[in-house]
Amino acid sequence: MSSKRVLQVGEQIREHIAMMLIRGELSDPRLKNITINSVRVSPDLQLAKVYYSVMGNQADRDAVNKGLKQASGFIRRSLGDTLKMRYTPVINFFFDESIERAARISELIENVKREDAQAEDDAVFGDKKEDVK
């Protein structure tokens, strides 16, 4: 279970990076249209895993990943100026697949609903459709 301080630091990091993106402080064109979903900080506050999502294909994801890795030093320095901590956490970026996974599950559920409705219609109206012909 995470301590309150660890959760607070994670939220501060998430907000700071998101605001840097909104304000355009990261001028890399690869870093457009990304969302910072969550940040998990280690219990010793030395490491931060930043989870992000981006709309697009695998090439877009790879470009964003490279851009974030290149900008990680700048982001960490900016965080060091903002966070009042002895050590600024090392930042690692990870693509968050949960949004895509949720969309895929939702799509599968909708397909099953559609198939069930079609099967129900066939069962109820199957005899009548043949009579109409």
C-alpha atoms as a PDB file:
ATOM      1  CA  MET A   1       0.000   0.000   0.000  1.00  0.00           C
ATOM      2  CA  SER A   2       1.349   3.417  -0.937  1.00  0.00           C
ATOM      3  CA  SER A   3       1.846   6.113   1.595  1.00  0.00           C
ATOM      4  CA  LYS A   4       0.087   9.422   1.333  1.00  0.00           C
ATOM      5  CA  ARG A   5       3.370  11.201   0.518  1.00  0.00           C
ATOM      6  CA  VAL A   6       4.161   8.813  -2.362  1.00  0.00           C
ATOM      7  CA  LEU A   7       0.701   9.369  -3.846  1.00  0.00           C
ATOM      8  CA  GLN A   8       1.014  13.155  -3.475  1.00  0.00           C
ATOM      9  CA  VAL A   9       4.397  13.241  -5.194  1.00  0.00           C
ATOM     10  CA  GLY A  10       3.054  11.085  -8.029  1.00  0.00           C
ATOM     11  CA  GLU A  11       0.113  13.426  -8.541  1.00  0.00           C
ATOM     12  CA  GLN A  12       2.374  16.498  -8.455  1.00  0.00           C
ATOM     13  CA  ILE A  13       4.621  14.959 -11.097  1.00  0.00           C
ATOM     14  CA  ARG A  14       1.632  14.066 -13.296  1.00  0.00           C
ATOM     15  CA  GLU A  15       0.204  17.583 -13.040  1.00  0.00           C
ATOM     16  CA  HIS A  16       3.558  19.226 -13.689  1.00  0.00           C
ATOM     17  CA  ILE A  17       4.318  17.193 -16.824  1.00  0.00           C
ATOM     18  CA  ALA A  18       0.766  17.678 -18.118  1.00  0.00           C
ATOM     19  CA  MET A  19       1.054  21.440 -17.605  1.00  0.00           C
ATOM     20  CA  MET A  20       4.410  21.479 -19.393  1.00  0.00           C
ATOM     21  CA  LEU A  21       2.711  19.830 -22.374  1.00  0.00           C
ATOM     22  CA  ILE A  22      -0.264  22.203 -22.266  1.00  0.00           C
ATOM     23  CA  ARG A  23       1.907  25.328 -22.003  1.00  0.00           C
ATOM     24  CA  GLY A  24       4.121  24.159 -24.868  1.00  0.00           C
ATOM     25  CA  GLU A  25       7.281  24.044 -22.757  1.00  0.00           C
ATOM     26  CA  LEU A  26       8.187  20.834 -24.570  1.00  0.00           C
ATOM     27  CA  SER A  27       8.579  22.101 -28.111  1.00  0.00           C
ATOM     28  CA  ASP A  28       9.270  18.703 -29.662  1.00  0.00           C
ATOM     29  CA  PRO A  29       6.604  18.164 -32.360  1.00  0.00           C
ATOM     30  CA  ARG A  30       6.530  14.443 -31.523  1.00  0.00           C
ATOM     31  CA  LEU A  31       5.019  15.304 -28.136  1.00  0.00           C
ATOM     32  CA  LYS A  32       1.686  16.571 -29.410  1.00  0.00           C
ATOM     33  CA  ASN A  33      -1.625  14.904 -28.565  1.00  0.00           C
ATOM     34  CA  ILE A  34      -0.370  12.832 -25.664  1.00  0.00           C
ATOM     35  CA  THR A  35      -2.058  12.369 -22.316  1.00  0.00           C
ATOM     36  CA  ILE A  36      -0.308  11.715 -19.030  1.00  0.00           C
ATOM     37  CA  ASN A  37      -2.527   9.089 -17.405  1.00  0.00           C
ATOM     38  CA  SER A  38      -0.794   8.283 -14.152  1.00  0.00           C
ATOM     39  CA  VAL A  39       2.483   8.320 -12.281  1.00  0.00           C
ATOM     40  CA  ARG A  40       3.707   5.647  -9.898  1.00  0.00           C
ATOM     41  CA  VAL A  41       6.482   6.633  -7.551  1.00  0.00           C
ATOM     42  CA  SER A  42       8.691   4.168  -5.691  1.00  0.00           C
ATOM     43  CA  PRO A  43       8.386   4.152  -1.885  1.00  0.00           C
ATOM     44  CA  ASP A  44      11.813   5.790  -1.532  1.00  0.00           C
ATOM     45  CA  LEU A  45      10.739   8.588  -3.975  1.00  0.00           C
ATOM     46  CA  GLN A  46      13.755   7.893  -6.195  1.00  0.00           C
ATOM     47  CA  LEU A  47      11.961   6.548  -9.271  1.00  0.00           C
ATOM     48  CA  ALA A  48       8.821   7.688 -11.086  1.00  0.00           C
ATOM     49  CA  LYS A  49       7.071   5.632 -13.762  1.00  0.00           C
ATOM     50  CA  VAL A  50       5.015   7.941 -15.958  1.00  0.00           C
ATOM     51  CA  TYR A  51       2.244   6.259 -17.948  1.00  0.00           C
ATOM     52  CA  TYR A  52       1.015   8.054 -21.072  1.00  0.00           C
ATOM     53  CA  SER A  53      -1.311   7.413 -23.971  1.00  0.00           C
ATOM     54  CA  VAL A  54      -1.314   8.738 -27.504  1.00  0.00           C
ATOM     55  CA  MET A  55      -3.766   8.413 -30.342  1.00  0.00           C
ATOM     56  CA  GLY A  56      -2.315   6.938 -33.482  1.00  0.00           C
ATOM     57  CA  ASN A  57      -0.503   3.936 -34.815  1.00  0.00           C
ATOM     58  CA  GLN A  58       2.644   2.159 -33.641  1.00  0.00           C
ATOM     59  CA  ALA A  59       4.908   4.592 -35.508  1.00  0.00           C
ATOM     60  CA  ASP A  60       3.312   7.506 -33.641  1.00  0.00           C
ATOM     61  CA  ARG A  61       3.838   5.698 -30.324  1.00  0.00           C
ATOM     62  CA  ASP A  62       7.477   5.017 -31.140  1.00  0.00           C
ATOM     63  CA  ALA A  63       8.059   8.665 -32.068  1.00  0.00           C
ATOM     64  CA  VAL A  64       6.418   9.873 -28.844  1.00  0.00           C
ATOM     65  CA  ASN A  65       8.472   7.402 -26.820  1.00  0.00           C
ATOM     66  CA  LYS A  66      11.706   8.677 -28.359  1.00  0.00           C
ATOM     67  CA  GLY A  67      10.656  12.290 -27.802  1.00  0.00           C
ATOM     68  CA  LEU A  68       9.821  11.649 -24.157  1.00  0.00           C
ATOM     69  CA  LYS A  69      13.112   9.862 -23.564  1.00  0.00           C
ATOM     70  CA  GLN A  70      14.977  12.792 -25.084  1.00  0.00           C
ATOM     71  CA  ALA A  71      13.021  15.291 -22.990  1.00  0.00           C
ATOM     72  CA  SER A  72      13.287  13.330 -19.724  1.00  0.00           C
ATOM     73  CA  GLY A  73      16.345  15.282 -18.530  1.00  0.00           C
ATOM     74  CA  PHE A  74      14.652  18.610 -19.191  1.00  0.00           C
ATOM     75  CA  ILE A  75      11.462  17.400 -17.492  1.00  0.00           C
ATOM     76  CA  ARG A  76      13.397  16.137 -14.487  1.00  0.00           C
ATOM     77  CA  ARG A  77      15.256  19.447 -14.129  1.00  0.00           C
ATOM     78  CA  SER A  78      11.970  21.329 -14.312  1.00  0.00           C
ATOM     79  CA  LEU A  79      10.481  19.008 -11.698  1.00  0.00           C
ATOM     80  CA  GLY A  80      13.507  19.632  -9.482  1.00  0.00           C
ATOM     81  CA  ASP A  81      12.770  23.352  -9.568  1.00  0.00           C
ATOM     82  CA  THR A  82       9.109  22.755  -8.672  1.00  0.00           C
ATOM     83  CA  LEU A  83       9.184  19.878  -6.198  1.00  0.00           C
ATOM     84  CA  LYS A  84      10.715  20.758  -2.872  1.00  0.00           C
ATOM     85  CA  MET A  85      12.510  17.465  -2.336  1.00  0.00           C
ATOM     86  CA  ARG A  86      16.061  16.456  -1.523  1.00  0.00           C
ATOM     87  CA  TYR A  87      16.273  14.296  -4.655  1.00  0.00           C
ATOM     88  CA  THR A  88      14.303  14.573  -7.852  1.00  0.00           C
ATOM     89  CA  PRO A  89      12.999  11.167  -8.963  1.00  0.00           C
ATOM     90  CA  VAL A  90      14.407   9.546 -12.086  1.00  0.00           C
ATOM     91  CA  ILE A  91      11.619   9.533 -14.666  1.00  0.00           C
ATOM     92  CA  ASN A  92      10.822   6.603 -16.943  1.00  0.00           C
ATOM     93  CA  PHE A  93       8.016   6.773 -19.497  1.00  0.00           C
ATOM     94  CA  PHE A  94       5.750   3.849 -20.372  1.00  0.00           C
ATOM     95  CA  PHE A  95       2.972   3.599 -22.924  1.00  0.00           C
ATOM     96  CA  ASP A  96      -0.320   2.892 -21.141  1.00  0.00           C
ATOM     97  CA  GLU A  97      -2.205   0.207 -23.038  1.00  0.00           C
ATOM     98  CA  SER A  98      -5.189   0.191 -20.684  1.00  0.00           C
ATOM     99  CA  ILE A  99      -7.206   2.682 -22.753  1.00  0.00           C
ATOM    100  CA  GLU A 100      -6.746   0.689 -25.957  1.00  0.00           C
ATOM    101  CA  ARG A 101      -7.514  -2.529 -24.089  1.00  0.00           C
ATOM    102  CA  ALA A 102     -10.706  -1.018 -22.653  1.00  0.00           C
ATOM    103  CA  ALA A 103     -11.785   0.184 -26.104  1.00  0.00           C
ATOM    104  CA  ARG A 104     -11.168  -3.274 -27.555  1.00  0.00           C
ATOM    105  CA  ILE A 105     -13.173  -4.951 -24.767  1.00  0.00           C
ATOM    106  CA  SER A 106     -16.010  -2.473 -25.289  1.00  0.00           C
ATOM    107  CA  GLU A 107     -15.983  -3.231 -29.020  1.00  0.00           C
ATOM    108  CA  LEU A 108     -16.120  -6.976 -28.334  1.00  0.00           C
ATOM    109  CA  ILE A 109     -19.045  -6.529 -25.928  1.00  0.00           C
ATOM    110  CA  GLU A 110     -20.941  -4.485 -28.514  1.00  0.00           C
ATOM    111  CA  ASN A 111     -20.342  -7.195 -31.132  1.00  0.00           C
ATOM    112  CA  VAL A 112     -21.696  -9.865 -28.785  1.00  0.00           C
ATOM    113  CA  LYS A 113     -24.763  -7.722 -28.016  1.00  0.00           C
ATOM    114  CA  ARG A 114     -25.372  -7.210 -31.722  1.00  0.00           C
ATOM    115  CA  GLU A 115     -25.038 -10.934 -32.435  1.00  0.00           C
ATOM    116  CA  ASP A 116     -27.376 -11.809 -29.544  1.00  0.00           C
ATOM    117  CA  ALA A 117     -29.977  -9.321 -30.765  1.00  0.00           C
ATOM    118  CA  GLN A 118     -29.706 -10.737 -34.280  1.00  0.00           C
ATOM    119  CA  ALA A 119     -30.060 -14.304 -32.986  1.00  0.00           C
ATOM    120  CA  GLU A 120     -33.078 -13.289 -30.901  1.00  0.00           C
ATOM    121  CA  ASP A 121     -34.686 -11.593 -33.911  1.00  0.00           C
ATOM    122  CA  ASP A 122     -34.060 -14.701 -36.005  1.00  0.00           C
ATOM    123  CA  ALA A 123     -35.621 -16.893 -33.324  1.00  0.00           C
ATOM    124  CA  VAL A 124     -38.703 -14.677 -32.898  1.00  0.00           C
ATOM    125  CA  PHE A 125     -39.288 -13.718 -36.508  1.00  0.00           C
ATOM    126  CA  GLY A 126     -37.697 -16.703 -38.257  1.00  0.00           C
ATOM    127  CA  ASP A 127     -40.990 -18.436 -39.095  1.00  0.00           C
ATOM    128  CA  LYS A 128     -42.726 -15.216 -40.117  1.00  0.00           C
ATOM    129  CA  LYS A 129     -39.916 -14.234 -42.503  1.00  0.00           C
ATOM    130  CA  GLU A 130     -40.364 -17.506 -44.342  1.00  0.00           C
ATOM    131  CA  ASP A 131     -44.169 -16.981 -44.534  1.00  0.00           C
ATOM    132  CA  VAL A 132     -43.709 -13.563 -46.125  1.00  0.00           C
ATOM    133  CA  LYS A 133     -41.684 -14.955 -49.020  1.00  0.00           C
END
